[in-house]
PDB file of N, CA and C in Angstrom:
ATOM      1  N   MET A   1      -3.971  14.043  -8.654  1.00  0.00           N
ATOM      2  CA  MET A   1      -3.035  13.658  -7.618  1.00  0.00           C
ATOM      3  C   MET A   1      -2.732  12.170  -7.774  1.00  0.00           C
ATOM      4  N   PRO A   2      -1.483  11.760  -7.629  1.00  0.00           N
ATOM      5  CA  PRO A   2      -1.137  10.346  -7.784  1.00  0.00           C
ATOM      6  C   PRO A   2      -1.840   9.458  -6.756  1.00  0.00           C
ATOM      7  N   LYS A   3      -2.131   8.243  -7.181  1.00  0.00           N
ATOM      8  CA  LYS A   3      -2.756   7.245  -6.311  1.00  0.00           C
ATOM      9  C   LYS A   3      -1.719   6.170  -6.005  1.00  0.00           C
ATOM     10  N   TYR A   4      -1.703   5.722  -4.757  1.00  0.00           N
ATOM     11  CA  TYR A   4      -0.718   4.742  -4.310  1.00  0.00           C
ATOM     12  C   TYR A   4      -1.392   3.544  -3.658  1.00  0.00           C
ATOM     13  N   LEU A   5      -0.736   2.388  -3.811  1.00  0.00           N
ATOM     14  CA  LEU A   5      -1.078   1.186  -3.057  1.00  0.00           C
ATOM     15  C   LEU A   5      -0.006   1.054  -1.991  1.00  0.00           C
ATOM     16  N   ILE A   6      -0.419   1.021  -0.728  1.00  0.00           N
ATOM     17  CA  ILE A   6       0.531   0.904   0.376  1.00  0.00           C
ATOM     18  C   ILE A   6       0.384  -0.491   0.957  1.00  0.00           C
ATOM     19  N   GLU A   7       1.523  -1.185   1.078  1.00  0.00           N
ATOM     20  CA  GLU A   7       1.562  -2.560   1.585  1.00  0.00           C
ATOM     21  C   GLU A   7       2.425  -2.579   2.840  1.00  0.00           C
ATOM     22  N   ILE A   8       1.832  -2.972   3.959  1.00  0.00           N
ATOM     23  CA  ILE A   8       2.542  -2.983   5.236  1.00  0.00           C
ATOM     24  C   ILE A   8       2.651  -4.424   5.732  1.00  0.00           C
ATOM     25  N   PRO A   9       3.846  -5.010   5.663  1.00  0.00           N
ATOM     26  CA  PRO A   9       4.020  -6.372   6.174  1.00  0.00           C
ATOM     27  C   PRO A   9       4.229  -6.376   7.697  1.00  0.00           C
ATOM     28  N   HIS A  10       3.923  -7.497   8.306  1.00  0.00           N
ATOM     29  CA  HIS A  10       4.184  -7.679   9.734  1.00  0.00           C
ATOM     30  C   HIS A  10       4.430  -9.161   9.992  1.00  0.00           C
ATOM     31  N   GLY A  11       4.901  -9.457  11.182  1.00  0.00           N
ATOM     32  CA  GLY A  11       5.267 -10.831  11.522  1.00  0.00           C
ATOM     33  C   GLY A  11       4.085 -11.779  11.553  1.00  0.00           C
ATOM     34  N   SER A  12       4.386 -13.072  11.366  1.00  0.00           N
ATOM     35  CA  SER A  12       3.332 -14.086  11.309  1.00  0.00           C
ATOM     36  C   SER A  12       3.038 -14.725  12.659  1.00  0.00           C
ATOM     37  N   ASP A  13       3.868 -14.466  13.657  1.00  0.00           N
ATOM     38  CA  ASP A  13       3.588 -14.959  15.005  1.00  0.00           C
ATOM     39  C   ASP A  13       2.216 -14.411  15.437  1.00  0.00           C
ATOM     40  N   LYS A  14       1.381 -15.250  16.039  1.00  0.00           N
ATOM     41  CA  LYS A  14       0.004 -14.840  16.346  1.00  0.00           C
ATOM     42  C   LYS A  14      -0.066 -13.567  17.179  1.00  0.00           C
ATOM     43  N   ILE A  15       0.759 -13.483  18.203  1.00  0.00           N
ATOM     44  CA  ILE A  15       0.734 -12.297  19.070  1.00  0.00           C
ATOM     45  C   ILE A  15       1.235 -11.075  18.303  1.00  0.00           C
ATOM     46  N   GLU A  16       2.326 -11.224  17.565  1.00  0.00           N
ATOM     47  CA  GLU A  16       2.860 -10.103  16.776  1.00  0.00           C
ATOM     48  C   GLU A  16       1.844  -9.647  15.734  1.00  0.00           C
ATOM     49  N   CYS A  17       1.174 -10.593  15.105  1.00  0.00           N
ATOM     50  CA  CYS A  17       0.163 -10.273  14.105  1.00  0.00           C
ATOM     51  C   CYS A  17      -0.981  -9.480  14.741  1.00  0.00           C
ATOM     52  N   LEU A  18      -1.511  -9.982  15.845  1.00  0.00           N
ATOM     53  CA  LEU A  18      -2.626  -9.306  16.500  1.00  0.00           C
ATOM     54  C   LEU A  18      -2.223  -7.928  17.017  1.00  0.00           C
ATOM     55  N   ARG A  19      -1.008  -7.800  17.521  1.00  0.00           N
ATOM     56  CA  ARG A  19      -0.527  -6.483  17.977  1.00  0.00           C
ATOM     57  C   ARG A  19      -0.431  -5.516  16.800  1.00  0.00           C
ATOM     58  N   SER A  20       0.026  -6.001  15.654  1.00  0.00           N
ATOM     59  CA  SER A  20       0.113  -5.148  14.468  1.00  0.00           C
ATOM     60  C   SER A  20      -1.265  -4.663  14.045  1.00  0.00           C
ATOM     61  N   VAL A  21      -2.230  -5.566  14.041  1.00  0.00           N
ATOM     62  CA  VAL A  21      -3.595  -5.184  13.696  1.00  0.00           C
ATOM     63  C   VAL A  21      -4.097  -4.149  14.699  1.00  0.00           C
ATOM     64  N   GLU A  22      -3.853  -4.404  15.969  1.00  0.00           N
ATOM     65  CA  GLU A  22      -4.291  -3.476  17.019  1.00  0.00           C
ATOM     66  C   GLU A  22      -3.665  -2.088  16.838  1.00  0.00           C
ATOM     67  N   ILE A  23      -2.371  -2.046  16.540  1.00  0.00           N
ATOM     68  CA  ILE A  23      -1.672  -0.766  16.365  1.00  0.00           C
ATOM     69  C   ILE A  23      -2.255   0.006  15.186  1.00  0.00           C
ATOM     70  N   LEU A  24      -2.440  -0.657  14.064  1.00  0.00           N
ATOM     71  CA  LEU A  24      -2.969   0.046  12.895  1.00  0.00           C
ATOM     72  C   LEU A  24      -4.416   0.490  13.112  1.00  0.00           C
ATOM     73  N   LEU A  25      -5.233  -0.368  13.730  1.00  0.00           N
ATOM     74  CA  LEU A  25      -6.631  -0.004  13.965  1.00  0.00           C
ATOM     75  C   LEU A  25      -6.777   1.134  14.971  1.00  0.00           C
ATOM     76  N   SER A  26      -5.864   1.216  15.922  1.00  0.00           N
ATOM     77  CA  SER A  26      -5.963   2.263  16.947  1.00  0.00           C
ATOM     78  C   SER A  26      -5.209   3.536  16.552  1.00  0.00           C
ATOM     79  N   SER A  27      -4.655   3.581  15.354  1.00  0.00           N
ATOM     80  CA  SER A  27      -3.861   4.726  14.913  1.00  0.00           C
ATOM     81  C   SER A  27      -4.694   5.995  14.737  1.00  0.00           C
ATOM     82  N   GLY A  28      -5.980   5.819  14.479  1.00  0.00           N
ATOM     83  CA  GLY A  28      -6.837   6.969  14.220  1.00  0.00           C
ATOM     84  C   GLY A  28      -6.865   7.367  12.746  1.00  0.00           C
ATOM     85  N   SER A  29      -6.016   6.759  11.941  1.00  0.00           N
ATOM     86  CA  SER A  29      -5.981   7.064  10.517  1.00  0.00           C
ATOM     87  C   SER A  29      -7.115   6.341   9.796  1.00  0.00           C
ATOM     88  N   HIS A  30      -7.897   7.094   9.051  1.00  0.00           N
ATOM     89  CA  HIS A  30      -8.978   6.515   8.253  1.00  0.00           C
ATOM     90  C   HIS A  30      -8.428   5.443   7.308  1.00  0.00           C
ATOM     91  N   PHE A  31      -7.271   5.701   6.744  1.00  0.00           N
ATOM     92  CA  PHE A  31      -6.679   4.745   5.798  1.00  0.00           C
ATOM     93  C   PHE A  31      -6.343   3.432   6.493  1.00  0.00           C
ATOM     94  N   LEU A  32      -5.710   3.525   7.650  1.00  0.00           N
ATOM     95  CA  LEU A  32      -5.282   2.322   8.355  1.00  0.00           C
ATOM     96  C   LEU A  32      -6.446   1.555   8.963  1.00  0.00           C
ATOM     97  N   THR A  33      -7.458   2.261   9.440  1.00  0.00           N
ATOM     98  CA  THR A  33      -8.597   1.560  10.035  1.00  0.00           C
ATOM     99  C   THR A  33      -9.463   0.890   8.980  1.00  0.00           C
ATOM    100  N   ASN A  34      -9.266   1.253   7.718  1.00  0.00           N
ATOM    101  CA  ASN A  34     -10.011   0.631   6.620  1.00  0.00           C
ATOM    102  C   ASN A  34      -9.125  -0.239   5.732  1.00  0.00           C
ATOM    103  N   ALA A  35      -7.949  -0.588   6.219  1.00  0.00           N
ATOM    104  CA  ALA A  35      -7.030  -1.424   5.452  1.00  0.00           C
ATOM    105  C   ALA A  35      -7.620  -2.823   5.263  1.00  0.00           C
ATOM    106  N   ASP A  36      -7.166  -3.492   4.234  1.00  0.00           N
ATOM    107  CA  ASP A  36      -7.492  -4.901   4.011  1.00  0.00           C
ATOM    108  C   ASP A  36      -6.318  -5.732   4.493  1.00  0.00           C
ATOM    109  N   TRP A  37      -6.627  -6.883   5.050  1.00  0.00           N
ATOM    110  CA  TRP A  37      -5.618  -7.740   5.666  1.00  0.00           C
ATOM    111  C   TRP A  37      -5.586  -9.110   5.005  1.00  0.00           C
ATOM    112  N   GLY A  38      -4.394  -9.701   4.894  1.00  0.00           N
ATOM    113  CA  GLY A  38      -4.260 -11.038   4.329  1.00  0.00           C
ATOM    114  C   GLY A  38      -3.976 -12.107   5.366  1.00  0.00           C
ATOM    115  N   CYS A  39      -4.003 -11.752   6.640  1.00  0.00           N
ATOM    116  CA  CYS A  39      -3.588 -12.657   7.717  1.00  0.00           C
ATOM    117  C   CYS A  39      -4.360 -13.970   7.751  1.00  0.00           C
ATOM    118  N   MET A  40      -5.657 -13.919   7.530  1.00  0.00           N
ATOM    119  CA  MET A  40      -6.461 -15.141   7.615  1.00  0.00           C
ATOM    120  C   MET A  40      -6.124 -16.127   6.492  1.00  0.00           C
ATOM    121  N   ASP A  41      -5.389 -15.640   5.485  1.00  0.00           N
ATOM    122  CA  ASP A  41      -4.955 -16.503   4.386  1.00  0.00           C
ATOM    123  C   ASP A  41      -3.448 -16.764   4.464  1.00  0.00           C
ATOM    124  N   GLY A  42      -2.835 -16.395   5.592  1.00  0.00           N
ATOM    125  CA  GLY A  42      -1.411 -16.636   5.785  1.00  0.00           C
ATOM    126  C   GLY A  42      -0.497 -15.596   5.157  1.00  0.00           C
ATOM    127  N   VAL A  43      -1.052 -14.509   4.655  1.00  0.00           N
ATOM    128  CA  VAL A  43      -0.264 -13.422   4.073  1.00  0.00           C
ATOM    129  C   VAL A  43      -0.318 -12.267   5.060  1.00  0.00           C
ATOM    130  N   HIS A  44       0.714 -12.098   5.836  1.00  0.00           N
ATOM    131  CA  HIS A  44       0.699 -11.146   6.950  1.00  0.00           C
ATOM    132  C   HIS A  44       1.097  -9.752   6.484  1.00  0.00           C
ATOM    133  N   LYS A  45       0.108  -9.134   5.839  1.00  0.00           N
ATOM    134  CA  LYS A  45       0.265  -7.786   5.297  1.00  0.00           C
ATOM    135  C   LYS A  45      -1.070  -7.069   5.380  1.00  0.00           C
ATOM    136  N   ALA A  46      -0.979  -5.743   5.426  1.00  0.00           N
ATOM    137  CA  ALA A  46      -2.166  -4.891   5.312  1.00  0.00           C
ATOM    138  C   ALA A  46      -1.983  -4.059   4.052  1.00  0.00           C
ATOM    139  N   TRP A  47      -3.097  -3.773   3.363  1.00  0.00           N
ATOM    140  CA  TRP A  47      -3.053  -2.971   2.137  1.00  0.00           C
ATOM    141  C   TRP A  47      -4.113  -1.885   2.204  1.00  0.00           C
ATOM    142  N   PHE A  48      -3.777  -0.741   1.648  1.00  0.00           N
ATOM    143  CA  PHE A  48      -4.777   0.303   1.447  1.00  0.00           C
ATOM    144  C   PHE A  48      -4.335   1.199   0.300  1.00  0.00           C
ATOM    145  N   PHE A  49      -5.293   1.922  -0.242  1.00  0.00           N
ATOM    146  CA  PHE A  49      -5.055   2.869  -1.324  1.00  0.00           C
ATOM    147  C   PHE A  49      -5.183   4.273  -0.766  1.00  0.00           C
ATOM    148  N   MET A  50      -4.410   5.196  -1.326  1.00  0.00           N
ATOM    149  CA  MET A  50      -4.591   6.600  -0.977  1.00  0.00           C
ATOM    150  C   MET A  50      -4.011   7.487  -2.060  1.00  0.00           C
ATOM    151  N   GLU A  51      -4.540   8.679  -2.128  1.00  0.00           N
ATOM    152  CA  GLU A  51      -3.976   9.695  -3.002  1.00  0.00           C
ATOM    153  C   GLU A  51      -3.063  10.564  -2.152  1.00  0.00           C
ATOM    154  N   ALA A  52      -1.903  10.907  -2.702  1.00  0.00           N
ATOM    155  CA  ALA A  52      -0.932  11.740  -1.998  1.00  0.00           C
ATOM    156  C   ALA A  52      -0.091  12.474  -3.032  1.00  0.00           C
ATOM    157  N   GLU A  53       0.574  13.513  -2.589  1.00  0.00           N
ATOM    158  CA  GLU A  53       1.444  14.285  -3.480  1.00  0.00           C
ATOM    159  C   GLU A  53       2.633  13.452  -3.955  1.00  0.00           C
ATOM    160  N   ASN A  54       3.144  12.564  -3.066  1.00  0.00           N
ATOM    161  CA  ASN A  54       4.307  11.751  -3.403  1.00  0.00           C
ATOM    162  C   ASN A  54       4.383  10.557  -2.445  1.00  0.00           C
ATOM    163  N   LYS A  55       5.345   9.669  -2.674  1.00  0.00           N
ATOM    164  CA  LYS A  55       5.493   8.466  -1.854  1.00  0.00           C
ATOM    165  C   LYS A  55       5.814   8.803  -0.402  1.00  0.00           C
ATOM    166  N   ASN A  56       6.622   9.831  -0.197  1.00  0.00           N
ATOM    167  CA  ASN A  56       6.986  10.189   1.168  1.00  0.00           C
ATOM    168  C   ASN A  56       5.755  10.621   1.969  1.00  0.00           C
ATOM    169  N   GLU A  57       4.877  11.394   1.330  1.00  0.00           N
ATOM    170  CA  GLU A  57       3.644  11.811   2.008  1.00  0.00           C
ATOM    171  C   GLU A  57       2.795  10.586   2.357  1.00  0.00           C
ATOM    172  N   ALA A  58       2.715   9.631   1.457  1.00  0.00           N
ATOM    173  CA  ALA A  58       1.956   8.404   1.717  1.00  0.00           C
ATOM    174  C   ALA A  58       2.582   7.617   2.869  1.00  0.00           C
ATOM    175  N   LEU A  59       3.899   7.579   2.916  1.00  0.00           N
ATOM    176  CA  LEU A  59       4.592   6.833   3.968  1.00  0.00           C
ATOM    177  C   LEU A  59       4.322   7.416   5.348  1.00  0.00           C
ATOM    178  N   MET A  60       4.091   8.705   5.442  1.00  0.00           N
ATOM    179  CA  MET A  60       3.882   9.344   6.739  1.00  0.00           C
ATOM    180  C   MET A  60       2.589   8.886   7.417  1.00  0.00           C
ATOM    181  N   VAL A  61       1.690   8.242   6.691  1.00  0.00           N
ATOM    182  CA  VAL A  61       0.466   7.701   7.281  1.00  0.00           C
ATOM    183  C   VAL A  61       0.768   6.430   8.073  1.00  0.00           C
ATOM    184  N   VAL A  62       1.842   5.737   7.689  1.00  0.00           N
ATOM    185  CA  VAL A  62       2.216   4.461   8.295  1.00  0.00           C
ATOM    186  C   VAL A  62       2.918   4.718   9.637  1.00  0.00           C
ATOM    187  N   PRO A  63       2.553   3.960  10.685  1.00  0.00           N
ATOM    188  CA  PRO A  63       3.247   4.122  11.966  1.00  0.00           C
ATOM    189  C   PRO A  63       4.758   3.924  11.790  1.00  0.00           C
ATOM    190  N   PRO A  64       5.562   4.725  12.487  1.00  0.00           N
ATOM    191  CA  PRO A  64       7.021   4.694  12.301  1.00  0.00           C
ATOM    192  C   PRO A  64       7.655   3.306  12.371  1.00  0.00           C
ATOM    193  N   ALA A  65       7.196   2.453  13.251  1.00  0.00           N
ATOM    194  CA  ALA A  65       7.805   1.125  13.412  1.00  0.00           C
ATOM    195  C   ALA A  65       7.649   0.248  12.166  1.00  0.00           C
ATOM    196  N   TYR A  66       6.714   0.579  11.289  1.00  0.00           N
ATOM    197  CA  TYR A  66       6.450  -0.238  10.100  1.00  0.00           C
ATOM    198  C   TYR A  66       6.982   0.389   8.814  1.00  0.00           C
ATOM    199  N   ARG A  67       7.468   1.603   8.879  1.00  0.00           N
ATOM    200  CA  ARG A  67       7.849   2.331   7.663  1.00  0.00           C
ATOM    201  C   ARG A  67       8.973   1.685   6.877  1.00  0.00           C
ATOM    202  N   LYS A  68       9.980   1.141   7.542  1.00  0.00           N
ATOM    203  CA  LYS A  68      11.145   0.612   6.806  1.00  0.00           C
ATOM    204  C   LYS A  68      10.789  -0.583   5.924  1.00  0.00           C
ATOM    205  N   ASP A  69       9.751  -1.319   6.277  1.00  0.00           N
ATOM    206  CA  ASP A  69       9.360  -2.495   5.491  1.00  0.00           C
ATOM    207  C   ASP A  69       8.161  -2.245   4.589  1.00  0.00           C
ATOM    208  N   THR A  70       7.601  -1.045   4.650  1.00  0.00           N
ATOM    209  CA  THR A  70       6.422  -0.722   3.848  1.00  0.00           C
ATOM    210  C   THR A  70       6.793  -0.558   2.384  1.00  0.00           C
ATOM    211  N   ARG A  71       5.942  -1.063   1.522  1.00  0.00           N
ATOM    212  CA  ARG A  71       6.137  -0.927   0.081  1.00  0.00           C
ATOM    213  C   ARG A  71       5.038  -0.027  -0.464  1.00  0.00           C
ATOM    214  N   ILE A  72       5.440   0.978  -1.219  1.00  0.00           N
ATOM    215  CA  ILE A  72       4.485   1.925  -1.790  1.00  0.00           C
ATOM    216  C   ILE A  72       4.633   1.895  -3.305  1.00  0.00           C
ATOM    217  N   SER A  73       3.534   1.630  -3.978  1.00  0.00           N
ATOM    218  CA  SER A  73       3.533   1.558  -5.443  1.00  0.00           C
ATOM    219  C   SER A  73       2.605   2.620  -6.005  1.00  0.00           C
ATOM    220  N   GLN A  74       3.146   3.468  -6.870  1.00  0.00           N
ATOM    221  CA  GLN A  74       2.298   4.443  -7.550  1.00  0.00           C
ATOM    222  C   GLN A  74       1.509   3.706  -8.620  1.00  0.00           C
ATOM    223  N   LEU A  75       0.225   3.983  -8.696  1.00  0.00           N
ATOM    224  CA  LEU A  75      -0.659   3.294  -9.626  1.00  0.00           C
ATOM    225  C   LEU A  75      -1.010   4.193 -10.802  1.00  0.00           C
ATOM    226  N   ASN A  76      -1.277   3.573 -11.911  1.00  0.00           N
ATOM    227  CA  ASN A  76      -1.746   4.311 -13.085  1.00  0.00           C
ATOM    228  C   ASN A  76      -2.660   3.403 -13.899  1.00  0.00           C
ATOM    229  N   LYS A  77      -3.386   4.000 -14.775  1.00  0.00           N
ATOM    230  CA  LYS A  77      -4.257   3.258 -15.683  1.00  0.00           C
ATOM    231  C   LYS A  77      -3.745   3.455 -17.100  1.00  0.00           C
ATOM    232  N   PHE A  78      -3.962   2.453 -17.942  1.00  0.00           N
ATOM    233  CA  PHE A  78      -3.602   2.539 -19.349  1.00  0.00           C
ATOM    234  C   PHE A  78      -4.867   2.498 -20.183  1.00  0.00           C
ATOM    235  N   LYS A  79      -4.863   3.206 -21.271  1.00  0.00           N
ATOM    236  CA  LYS A  79      -5.902   3.096 -22.279  1.00  0.00           C
ATOM    237  C   LYS A  79      -5.288   2.358 -23.459  1.00  0.00           C
ATOM    238  N   LEU A  80      -6.061   1.518 -24.095  1.00  0.00           N
ATOM    239  CA  LEU A  80      -5.552   0.703 -25.194  1.00  0.00           C
ATOM    240  C   LEU A  80      -4.908   1.565 -26.267  1.00  0.00           C
ATOM    241  N   GLN A  81      -5.528   2.664 -26.623  1.00  0.00           N
ATOM    242  CA  GLN A  81      -4.969   3.539 -27.664  1.00  0.00           C
ATOM    243  C   GLN A  81      -3.605   4.088 -27.248  1.00  0.00           C
ATOM    244  N   ASP A  82      -3.457   4.454 -25.979  1.00  0.00           N
ATOM    245  CA  ASP A  82      -2.171   4.961 -25.487  1.00  0.00           C
ATOM    246  C   ASP A  82      -1.081   3.894 -25.632  1.00  0.00           C
ATOM    247  N   VAL A  83      -1.417   2.664 -25.305  1.00  0.00           N
ATOM    248  CA  VAL A  83      -0.447   1.570 -25.401  1.00  0.00           C
ATOM    249  C   VAL A  83      -0.071   1.332 -26.863  1.00  0.00           C
ATOM    250  N   LYS A  84      -1.056   1.363 -27.750  1.00  0.00           N
ATOM    251  CA  LYS A  84      -0.771   1.159 -29.174  1.00  0.00           C
ATOM    252  C   LYS A  84       0.160   2.247 -29.697  1.00  0.00           C
ATOM    253  N   GLU A  85      -0.066   3.487 -29.305  1.00  0.00           N
ATOM    254  CA  GLU A  85       0.813   4.579 -29.733  1.00  0.00           C
ATOM    255  C   GLU A  85       2.213   4.415 -29.169  1.00  0.00           C
ATOM    256  N   LEU A  86       2.330   4.016 -27.916  1.00  0.00           N
ATOM    257  CA  LEU A  86       3.651   3.809 -27.332  1.00  0.00           C
ATOM    258  C   LEU A  86       4.378   2.661 -28.014  1.00  0.00           C
ATOM    259  N   LEU A  87       3.664   1.598 -28.321  1.00  0.00           N
ATOM    260  CA  LEU A  87       4.277   0.466 -29.034  1.00  0.00           C
ATOM    261  C   LEU A  87       4.784   0.905 -30.414  1.00  0.00           C
ATOM    262  N   ARG A  88       3.997   1.677 -31.127  1.00  0.00           N
ATOM    263  CA  ARG A  88       4.430   2.158 -32.449  1.00  0.00           C
ATOM    264  C   ARG A  88       5.697   3.006 -32.300  1.00  0.00           C
ATOM    265  N   HIS A  89       5.727   3.835 -31.298  1.00  0.00           N
ATOM    266  CA  HIS A  89       6.882   4.702 -31.061  1.00  0.00           C
ATOM    267  C   HIS A  89       8.140   3.882 -30.733  1.00  0.00           C
ATOM    268  N   HIS A  90       7.997   2.865 -29.882  1.00  0.00           N
ATOM    269  CA  HIS A  90       9.157   2.099 -29.430  1.00  0.00           C
ATOM    270  C   HIS A  90       9.586   1.006 -30.411  1.00  0.00           C
ATOM    271  N   GLU A  91       8.655   0.568 -31.225  1.00  0.00           N
ATOM    272  CA  GLU A  91       8.994  -0.491 -32.180  1.00  0.00           C
ATOM    273  C   GLU A  91       9.555   0.081 -33.469  1.00  0.00           C
ATOM    274  N   GLY A  92       9.518   1.404 -33.594  1.00  0.00           N
ATOM    275  CA  GLY A  92      10.124   2.051 -34.741  1.00  0.00           C
ATOM    276  C   GLY A  92       9.196   2.199 -35.874  1.00  0.00           C
TER     277      GLY A  92
END
């Protein structure tokens, strides 16, 4: 099953930031209650990983008010041999 990194940005205003944290923590979602936050370093985003069938399924974990700004990246791993074979193929 594909693995995704979900990034949820929120406002930097102190009250807006704390409300965002409160909303995600009280969502009941295991993913959201275990998210990592960048707020203490001035990066007002939450991140978490999850496996899902597709990006839309991953997005449904995010509270509706945050979905339009959420960024979802499908993750993959490379093996050195795979990269070497792809380079040979593309370089001719």
